[in-house]
PDB file of N, CA and C in Angstrom:
ATOM      1  N   UNK A   1     199.817-184.815 -29.441  1.00  0.00           N
ATOM      2  CA  UNK A   1     199.057-185.233 -30.600  1.00  0.00           C
ATOM      3  C   UNK A   1     199.950-185.688 -31.741  1.00  0.00           C
ATOM      4  N   UNK A   2     201.175-185.268 -31.787  1.00  0.00           N
ATOM      5  CA  UNK A   2     202.059-185.618 -32.894  1.00  0.00           C
ATOM      6  C   UNK A   2     202.224-187.124 -33.020  1.00  0.00           C
ATOM      7  N   UNK A   3     202.102-187.863 -31.908  1.00  0.00           N
ATOM      8  CA  UNK A   3     202.232-189.300 -31.958  1.00  0.00           C
ATOM      9  C   UNK A   3     201.079-189.982 -32.670  1.00  0.00           C
ATOM     10  N   UNK A   4     199.959-189.294 -32.847  1.00  0.00           N
ATOM     11  CA  UNK A   4     198.796-189.875 -33.509  1.00  0.00           C
ATOM     12  C   UNK A   4     198.726-189.569 -34.997  1.00  0.00           C
ATOM     13  N   UNK A   5     199.724-188.867 -35.526  1.00  0.00           N
ATOM     14  CA  UNK A   5     199.731-188.546 -36.951  1.00  0.00           C
ATOM     15  C   UNK A   5     200.625-189.554 -37.662  1.00  0.00           C
ATOM     16  N   UNK A   6     200.044-190.415 -38.505  1.00  0.00           N
ATOM     17  CA  UNK A   6     200.839-191.437 -39.186  1.00  0.00           C
ATOM     18  C   UNK A   6     201.770-190.835 -40.226  1.00  0.00           C
ATOM     19  N   UNK A   7     202.854-191.550 -40.517  1.00  0.00           N
ATOM     20  CA  UNK A   7     203.818-191.082 -41.518  1.00  0.00           C
ATOM     21  C   UNK A   7     203.259-191.211 -42.929  1.00  0.00           C
ATOM     22  N   UNK A   8     202.465-192.248 -43.183  1.00  0.00           N
ATOM     23  CA  UNK A   8     201.882-192.465 -44.502  1.00  0.00           C
ATOM     24  C   UNK A   8     200.414-192.057 -44.439  1.00  0.00           C
ATOM     25  N   UNK A   9     199.991-191.192 -45.346  1.00  0.00           N
ATOM     26  CA  UNK A   9     198.619-190.674 -45.338  1.00  0.00           C
ATOM     27  C   UNK A   9     197.996-190.801 -46.714  1.00  0.00           C
ATOM     28  N   UNK A  10     196.665-190.877 -46.752  1.00  0.00           N
ATOM     29  CA  UNK A  10     195.937-190.759 -48.002  1.00  0.00           C
ATOM     30  C   UNK A  10     195.875-189.279 -48.337  1.00  0.00           C
ATOM     31  N   UNK A  11     195.930-188.932 -49.630  1.00  0.00           N
ATOM     32  CA  UNK A  11     195.846-187.512 -49.993  1.00  0.00           C
ATOM     33  C   UNK A  11     194.588-186.872 -49.419  1.00  0.00           C
ATOM     34  N   UNK A  12     194.734-185.688 -48.866  1.00  0.00           N
ATOM     35  CA  UNK A  12     193.604-184.948 -48.330  1.00  0.00           C
ATOM     36  C   UNK A  12     193.338-185.184 -46.856  1.00  0.00           C
ATOM     37  N   UNK A  13     193.993-186.173 -46.239  1.00  0.00           N
ATOM     38  CA  UNK A  13     193.803-186.458 -44.822  1.00  0.00           C
ATOM     39  C   UNK A  13     195.002-185.913 -44.048  1.00  0.00           C
ATOM     40  N   UNK A  14     194.738-184.969 -43.166  1.00  0.00           N
ATOM     41  CA  UNK A  14     195.833-184.338 -42.431  1.00  0.00           C
ATOM     42  C   UNK A  14     195.639-184.362 -40.915  1.00  0.00           C
ATOM     43  N   UNK A  15     194.455-184.672 -40.451  1.00  0.00           N
ATOM     44  CA  UNK A  15     194.160-184.650 -39.018  1.00  0.00           C
ATOM     45  C   UNK A  15     194.805-185.850 -38.307  1.00  0.00           C
ATOM     46  N   UNK A  16     195.010-185.754 -36.997  1.00  0.00           N
ATOM     47  CA  UNK A  16     195.524-186.899 -36.241  1.00  0.00           C
ATOM     48  C   UNK A  16     194.540-188.064 -36.280  1.00  0.00           C
ATOM     49  N   UNK A  17     195.063-189.252 -36.079  1.00  0.00           N
ATOM     50  CA  UNK A  17     194.212-190.426 -36.012  1.00  0.00           C
ATOM     51  C   UNK A  17     193.346-190.349 -34.779  1.00  0.00           C
ATOM     52  N   UNK A  18     192.171-190.931 -34.891  1.00  0.00           N
ATOM     53  CA  UNK A  18     191.231-190.956 -33.776  1.00  0.00           C
ATOM     54  C   UNK A  18     190.864-192.406 -33.492  1.00  0.00           C
ATOM     55  N   UNK A  19     191.088-192.853 -32.286  1.00  0.00           N
ATOM     56  CA  UNK A  19     190.739-194.225 -31.930  1.00  0.00           C
ATOM     57  C   UNK A  19     189.247-194.317 -31.688  1.00  0.00           C
ATOM     58  N   UNK A  20     188.608-195.298 -32.332  1.00  0.00           N
ATOM     59  CA  UNK A  20     187.163-195.475 -32.209  1.00  0.00           C
ATOM     60  C   UNK A  20     186.853-196.933 -31.949  1.00  0.00           C
ATOM     61  N   UNK A  21     185.715-197.199 -31.345  1.00  0.00           N
ATOM     62  CA  UNK A  21     185.242-198.564 -31.165  1.00  0.00           C
ATOM     63  C   UNK A  21     184.523-198.984 -32.443  1.00  0.00           C
ATOM     64  N   UNK A  22     184.663-200.257 -32.804  1.00  0.00           N
ATOM     65  CA  UNK A  22     184.054-200.751 -34.028  1.00  0.00           C
ATOM     66  C   UNK A  22     182.548-200.485 -34.048  1.00  0.00           C
ATOM     67  N   UNK A  23     181.876-200.628 -32.918  1.00  0.00           N
ATOM     68  CA  UNK A  23     180.444-200.406 -32.837  1.00  0.00           C
ATOM     69  C   UNK A  23     180.034-198.969 -33.132  1.00  0.00           C
ATOM     70  N   UNK A  24     180.967-198.020 -33.058  1.00  0.00           N
ATOM     71  CA  UNK A  24     180.677-196.635 -33.410  1.00  0.00           C
ATOM     72  C   UNK A  24     180.692-196.421 -34.920  1.00  0.00           C
ATOM     73  N   UNK A  25     181.324-197.337 -35.646  1.00  0.00           N
ATOM     74  CA  UNK A  25     181.496-197.180 -37.084  1.00  0.00           C
ATOM     75  C   UNK A  25     180.622-198.113 -37.911  1.00  0.00           C
ATOM     76  N   UNK A  26     180.170-199.196 -37.291  1.00  0.00           N
ATOM     77  CA  UNK A  26     179.383-200.180 -38.023  1.00  0.00           C
ATOM     78  C   UNK A  26     178.387-200.834 -37.084  1.00  0.00           C
ATOM     79  N   UNK A  27     177.323-201.349 -37.646  1.00  0.00           N
ATOM     80  CA  UNK A  27     176.356-202.094 -36.859  1.00  0.00           C
ATOM     81  C   UNK A  27     176.855-203.523 -36.724  1.00  0.00           C
ATOM     82  N   UNK A  28     176.965-204.009 -35.512  1.00  0.00           N
ATOM     83  CA  UNK A  28     177.436-205.361 -35.257  1.00  0.00           C
ATOM     84  C   UNK A  28     176.217-206.227 -34.955  1.00  0.00           C
ATOM     85  N   UNK A  29     176.048-207.284 -35.740  1.00  0.00           N
ATOM     86  CA  UNK A  29     174.907-208.173 -35.570  1.00  0.00           C
ATOM     87  C   UNK A  29     175.417-209.600 -35.419  1.00  0.00           C
ATOM     88  N   UNK A  30     174.591-210.457 -34.878  1.00  0.00           N
ATOM     89  CA  UNK A  30     174.968-211.858 -34.740  1.00  0.00           C
ATOM     90  C   UNK A  30     173.777-212.733 -35.083  1.00  0.00           C
ATOM     91  N   UNK A  31     174.038-214.013 -35.233  1.00  0.00           N
ATOM     92  CA  UNK A  31     172.963-214.958 -35.486  1.00  0.00           C
ATOM     93  C   UNK A  31     172.627-215.158 -36.944  1.00  0.00           C
ATOM     94  N   UNK A  32     173.452-214.686 -37.862  1.00  0.00           N
ATOM     95  CA  UNK A  32     173.140-214.821 -39.281  1.00  0.00           C
ATOM     96  C   UNK A  32     173.935-215.878 -39.997  1.00  0.00           C
ATOM     97  N   UNK A  33     174.610-216.746 -39.272  1.00  0.00           N
ATOM     98  CA  UNK A  33     175.482-217.738 -39.903  1.00  0.00           C
ATOM     99  C   UNK A  33     174.700-218.680 -40.819  1.00  0.00           C
ATOM    100  N   UNK A  34     175.116-218.786 -42.092  1.00  0.00           N
ATOM    101  CA  UNK A  34     174.472-219.764 -42.974  1.00  0.00           C
ATOM    102  C   UNK A  34     174.725-221.179 -42.453  1.00  0.00           C
ATOM    103  N   UNK A  35     173.830-222.094 -42.751  1.00  0.00           N
ATOM    104  CA  UNK A  35     173.961-223.468 -42.267  1.00  0.00           C
ATOM    105  C   UNK A  35     175.314-224.057 -42.677  1.00  0.00           C
ATOM    106  N   UNK A  36     176.091-224.444 -41.688  1.00  0.00           N
ATOM    107  CA  UNK A  36     177.410-225.011 -41.977  1.00  0.00           C
ATOM    108  C   UNK A  36     177.306-226.406 -42.584  1.00  0.00           C
ATOM    109  N   UNK A  37     176.155-227.027 -42.475  1.00  0.00           N
ATOM    110  CA  UNK A  37     175.957-228.362 -43.038  1.00  0.00           C
ATOM    111  C   UNK A  37     175.687-228.326 -44.546  1.00  0.00           C
ATOM    112  N   UNK A  38     175.462-227.136 -45.101  1.00  0.00           N
ATOM    113  CA  UNK A  38     175.166-227.021 -46.527  1.00  0.00           C
ATOM    114  C   UNK A  38     176.413-226.533 -47.268  1.00  0.00           C
ATOM    115  N   UNK A  39     177.073-227.395 -48.050  1.00  0.00           N
ATOM    116  CA  UNK A  39     178.303-226.998 -48.741  1.00  0.00           C
ATOM    117  C   UNK A  39     178.095-225.912 -49.794  1.00  0.00           C
ATOM    118  N   UNK A  40     176.853-225.722 -50.277  1.00  0.00           N
ATOM    119  CA  UNK A  40     176.588-224.654 -51.252  1.00  0.00           C
ATOM    120  C   UNK A  40     176.774-223.262 -50.643  1.00  0.00           C
ATOM    121  N   UNK A  41     176.761-223.181 -49.328  1.00  0.00           N
ATOM    122  CA  UNK A  41     176.848-221.888 -48.647  1.00  0.00           C
ATOM    123  C   UNK A  41     178.286-221.470 -48.341  1.00  0.00           C
ATOM    124  N   UNK A  42     179.244-222.366 -48.468  1.00  0.00           N
ATOM    125  CA  UNK A  42     180.613-222.112 -48.014  1.00  0.00           C
ATOM    126  C   UNK A  42     181.644-222.252 -49.128  1.00  0.00           C
ATOM    127  N   UNK A  43     182.821-221.718 -48.860  1.00  0.00           N
ATOM    128  CA  UNK A  43     183.954-221.705 -49.807  1.00  0.00           C
ATOM    129  C   UNK A  43     183.675-220.797 -50.997  1.00  0.00           C
ATOM    130  N   UNK A  44     183.035-219.668 -50.716  1.00  0.00           N
ATOM    131  CA  UNK A  44     182.759-218.674 -51.747  1.00  0.00           C
ATOM    132  C   UNK A  44     183.790-217.554 -51.708  1.00  0.00           C
ATOM    133  N   UNK A  45     183.346-216.354 -51.992  1.00  0.00           N
ATOM    134  CA  UNK A  45     184.248-215.197 -52.055  1.00  0.00           C
ATOM    135  C   UNK A  45     183.900-214.101 -51.058  1.00  0.00           C
ATOM    136  N   UNK A  46     182.839-214.277 -50.276  1.00  0.00           N
ATOM    137  CA  UNK A  46     182.396-213.258 -49.324  1.00  0.00           C
ATOM    138  C   UNK A  46     183.012-213.551 -47.962  1.00  0.00           C
ATOM    139  N   UNK A  47     183.774-212.609 -47.422  1.00  0.00           N
ATOM    140  CA  UNK A  47     184.415-212.796 -46.117  1.00  0.00           C
ATOM    141  C   UNK A  47     183.387-213.075 -45.035  1.00  0.00           C
ATOM    142  N   UNK A  48     183.689-214.056 -44.197  1.00  0.00           N
ATOM    143  CA  UNK A  48     182.829-214.413 -43.069  1.00  0.00           C
ATOM    144  C   UNK A  48     183.688-214.400 -41.817  1.00  0.00           C
ATOM    145  N   UNK A  49     183.601-213.313 -41.055  1.00  0.00           N
ATOM    146  CA  UNK A  49     184.423-213.147 -39.850  1.00  0.00           C
ATOM    147  C   UNK A  49     183.731-213.734 -38.630  1.00  0.00           C
ATOM    148  N   UNK A  50     184.499-214.416 -37.813  1.00  0.00           N
ATOM    149  CA  UNK A  50     183.995-214.917 -36.540  1.00  0.00           C
ATOM    150  C   UNK A  50     184.485-213.984 -35.441  1.00  0.00           C
ATOM    151  N   UNK A  51     183.818-213.944 -34.307  1.00  0.00           N
ATOM    152  CA  UNK A  51     184.285-213.084 -33.208  1.00  0.00           C
ATOM    153  C   UNK A  51     185.729-213.376 -32.810  1.00  0.00           C
ATOM    154  N   UNK A  52     186.128-214.631 -32.867  1.00  0.00           N
ATOM    155  CA  UNK A  52     187.506-214.985 -32.495  1.00  0.00           C
ATOM    156  C   UNK A  52     188.529-214.340 -33.432  1.00  0.00           C
ATOM    157  N   UNK A  53     188.172-214.157 -34.694  1.00  0.00           N
ATOM    158  CA  UNK A  53     189.098-213.563 -35.666  1.00  0.00           C
ATOM    159  C   UNK A  53     189.332-212.077 -35.423  1.00  0.00           C
ATOM    160  N   UNK A  54     188.348-211.389 -34.887  1.00  0.00           N
ATOM    161  CA  UNK A  54     188.473-209.936 -34.767  1.00  0.00           C
ATOM    162  C   UNK A  54     188.545-209.443 -33.325  1.00  0.00           C
ATOM    163  N   UNK A  55     188.499-210.337 -32.359  1.00  0.00           N
ATOM    164  CA  UNK A  55     188.393-209.908 -30.965  1.00  0.00           C
ATOM    165  C   UNK A  55     189.527-208.988 -30.528  1.00  0.00           C
ATOM    166  N   UNK A  56     190.748-209.338 -30.807  1.00  0.00           N
ATOM    167  CA  UNK A  56     191.879-208.508 -30.391  1.00  0.00           C
ATOM    168  C   UNK A  56     192.647-207.950 -31.581  1.00  0.00           C
ATOM    169  N   UNK A  57     192.165-208.191 -32.785  1.00  0.00           N
ATOM    170  CA  UNK A  57     192.881-207.752 -33.984  1.00  0.00           C
ATOM    171  C   UNK A  57     192.739-206.248 -34.173  1.00  0.00           C
ATOM    172  N   UNK A  58     193.822-205.639 -34.546  1.00  0.00           N
ATOM    173  CA  UNK A  58     193.790-204.215 -34.858  1.00  0.00           C
ATOM    174  C   UNK A  58     193.368-204.016 -36.312  1.00  0.00           C
ATOM    175  N   UNK A  59     193.863-204.885 -37.189  1.00  0.00           N
ATOM    176  CA  UNK A  59     193.532-204.835 -38.604  1.00  0.00           C
ATOM    177  C   UNK A  59     193.167-206.244 -39.060  1.00  0.00           C
ATOM    178  N   UNK A  60     192.194-206.361 -39.944  1.00  0.00           N
ATOM    179  CA  UNK A  60     191.855-207.636 -40.566  1.00  0.00           C
ATOM    180  C   UNK A  60     191.778-207.402 -42.076  1.00  0.00           C
ATOM    181  N   UNK A  61     192.333-208.327 -42.818  1.00  0.00           N
ATOM    182  CA  UNK A  61     192.414-208.158 -44.265  1.00  0.00           C
ATOM    183  C   UNK A  61     191.624-209.209 -45.033  1.00  0.00           C
ATOM    184  N   UNK A  62     191.196-210.231 -44.384  1.00  0.00           N
ATOM    185  CA  UNK A  62     190.420-211.278 -45.026  1.00  0.00           C
ATOM    186  C   UNK A  62     190.101-212.337 -43.981  1.00  0.00           C
ATOM    187  N   UNK A  63     188.959-212.949 -44.107  1.00  0.00           N
ATOM    188  CA  UNK A  63     188.539-213.928 -43.120  1.00  0.00           C
ATOM    189  C   UNK A  63     189.075-215.320 -43.456  1.00  0.00           C
ATOM    190  N   UNK A  64     189.095-216.173 -42.451  1.00  0.00           N
ATOM    191  CA  UNK A  64     189.521-217.550 -42.669  1.00  0.00           C
ATOM    192  C   UNK A  64     188.466-218.316 -43.450  1.00  0.00           C
ATOM    193  N   UNK A  65     187.201-218.030 -43.189  1.00  0.00           N
ATOM    194  CA  UNK A  65     186.100-218.695 -43.892  1.00  0.00           C
ATOM    195  C   UNK A  65     185.438-217.699 -44.827  1.00  0.00           C
ATOM    196  N   UNK A  66     184.871-218.224 -45.912  1.00  0.00           N
ATOM    197  CA  UNK A  66     184.168-217.381 -46.870  1.00  0.00           C
ATOM    198  C   UNK A  66     182.851-218.062 -47.225  1.00  0.00           C
ATOM    199  N   UNK A  67     181.822-217.240 -47.453  1.00  0.00           N
ATOM    200  CA  UNK A  67     180.523-217.787 -47.849  1.00  0.00           C
ATOM    201  C   UNK A  67     180.247-217.455 -49.313  1.00  0.00           C
ATOM    202  N   UNK A  68     179.267-218.147 -49.857  1.00  0.00           N
ATOM    203  CA  UNK A  68     178.853-217.897 -51.237  1.00  0.00           C
ATOM    204  C   UNK A  68     177.685-216.907 -51.247  1.00  0.00           C
ATOM    205  N   UNK A  69     177.360-216.441 -52.417  1.00  0.00           N
ATOM    206  CA  UNK A  69     176.186-215.568 -52.582  1.00  0.00           C
ATOM    207  C   UNK A  69     174.922-216.328 -52.167  1.00  0.00           C
ATOM    208  N   UNK A  70     174.866-217.613 -52.488  1.00  0.00           N
ATOM    209  CA  UNK A  70     173.721-218.448 -52.109  1.00  0.00           C
ATOM    210  C   UNK A  70     173.627-218.534 -50.577  1.00  0.00           C
ATOM    211  N   UNK A  71     174.778-218.686 -49.916  1.00  0.00           N
ATOM    212  CA  UNK A  71     174.784-218.723 -48.466  1.00  0.00           C
ATOM    213  C   UNK A  71     174.305-217.420 -47.863  1.00  0.00           C
ATOM    214  N   UNK A  72     174.734-216.313 -48.441  1.00  0.00           N
ATOM    215  CA  UNK A  72     174.294-215.008 -47.965  1.00  0.00           C
ATOM    216  C   UNK A  72     172.793-214.825 -48.131  1.00  0.00           C
ATOM    217  N   UNK A  73     172.290-215.219 -49.297  1.00  0.00           N
ATOM    218  CA  UNK A  73     170.871-215.044 -49.580  1.00  0.00           C
ATOM    219  C   UNK A  73     169.968-215.982 -48.790  1.00  0.00           C
ATOM    220  N   UNK A  74     170.519-217.052 -48.254  1.00  0.00           N
ATOM    221  CA  UNK A  74     169.719-218.023 -47.505  1.00  0.00           C
ATOM    222  C   UNK A  74     170.027-217.978 -46.011  1.00  0.00           C
ATOM    223  N   UNK A  75     170.404-216.815 -45.536  1.00  0.00           N
ATOM    224  CA  UNK A  75     170.633-216.622 -44.108  1.00  0.00           C
ATOM    225  C   UNK A  75     170.139-215.233 -43.750  1.00  0.00           C
ATOM    226  N   UNK A  76     170.192-214.906 -42.484  1.00  0.00           N
ATOM    227  CA  UNK A  76     169.790-213.550 -42.082  1.00  0.00           C
ATOM    228  C   UNK A  76     170.997-212.618 -42.031  1.00  0.00           C
ATOM    229  N   UNK A  77     172.123-213.061 -42.562  1.00  0.00           N
ATOM    230  CA  UNK A  77     173.332-212.234 -42.596  1.00  0.00           C
ATOM    231  C   UNK A  77     173.135-211.048 -43.533  1.00  0.00           C
ATOM    232  N   UNK A  78     173.863-209.969 -43.249  1.00  0.00           N
ATOM    233  CA  UNK A  78     173.805-208.756 -44.075  1.00  0.00           C
ATOM    234  C   UNK A  78     175.220-208.323 -44.383  1.00  0.00           C
ATOM    235  N   UNK A  79     175.383-207.667 -45.513  1.00  0.00           N
ATOM    236  CA  UNK A  79     176.685-207.056 -45.827  1.00  0.00           C
ATOM    237  C   UNK A  79     176.592-205.590 -45.472  1.00  0.00           C
TER     238      UNK A  79
END
């Protein structure tokens, strides 16, 4: 178990790391993409991850594409 304890920790966290599947921690949904033909929906500040961006990634810090609040409100996407 010693191999699962990271050298850098947040205060108060002392247990070994536990590997989990993303679906155990969050609800994964699809089909909510705002219309790509509408420029008002894109180039905003809300991260928009595609399956290709996260498929084999261990960590993600920001998406390649971003949507606007208008794009979020005019799609079935959820935060």
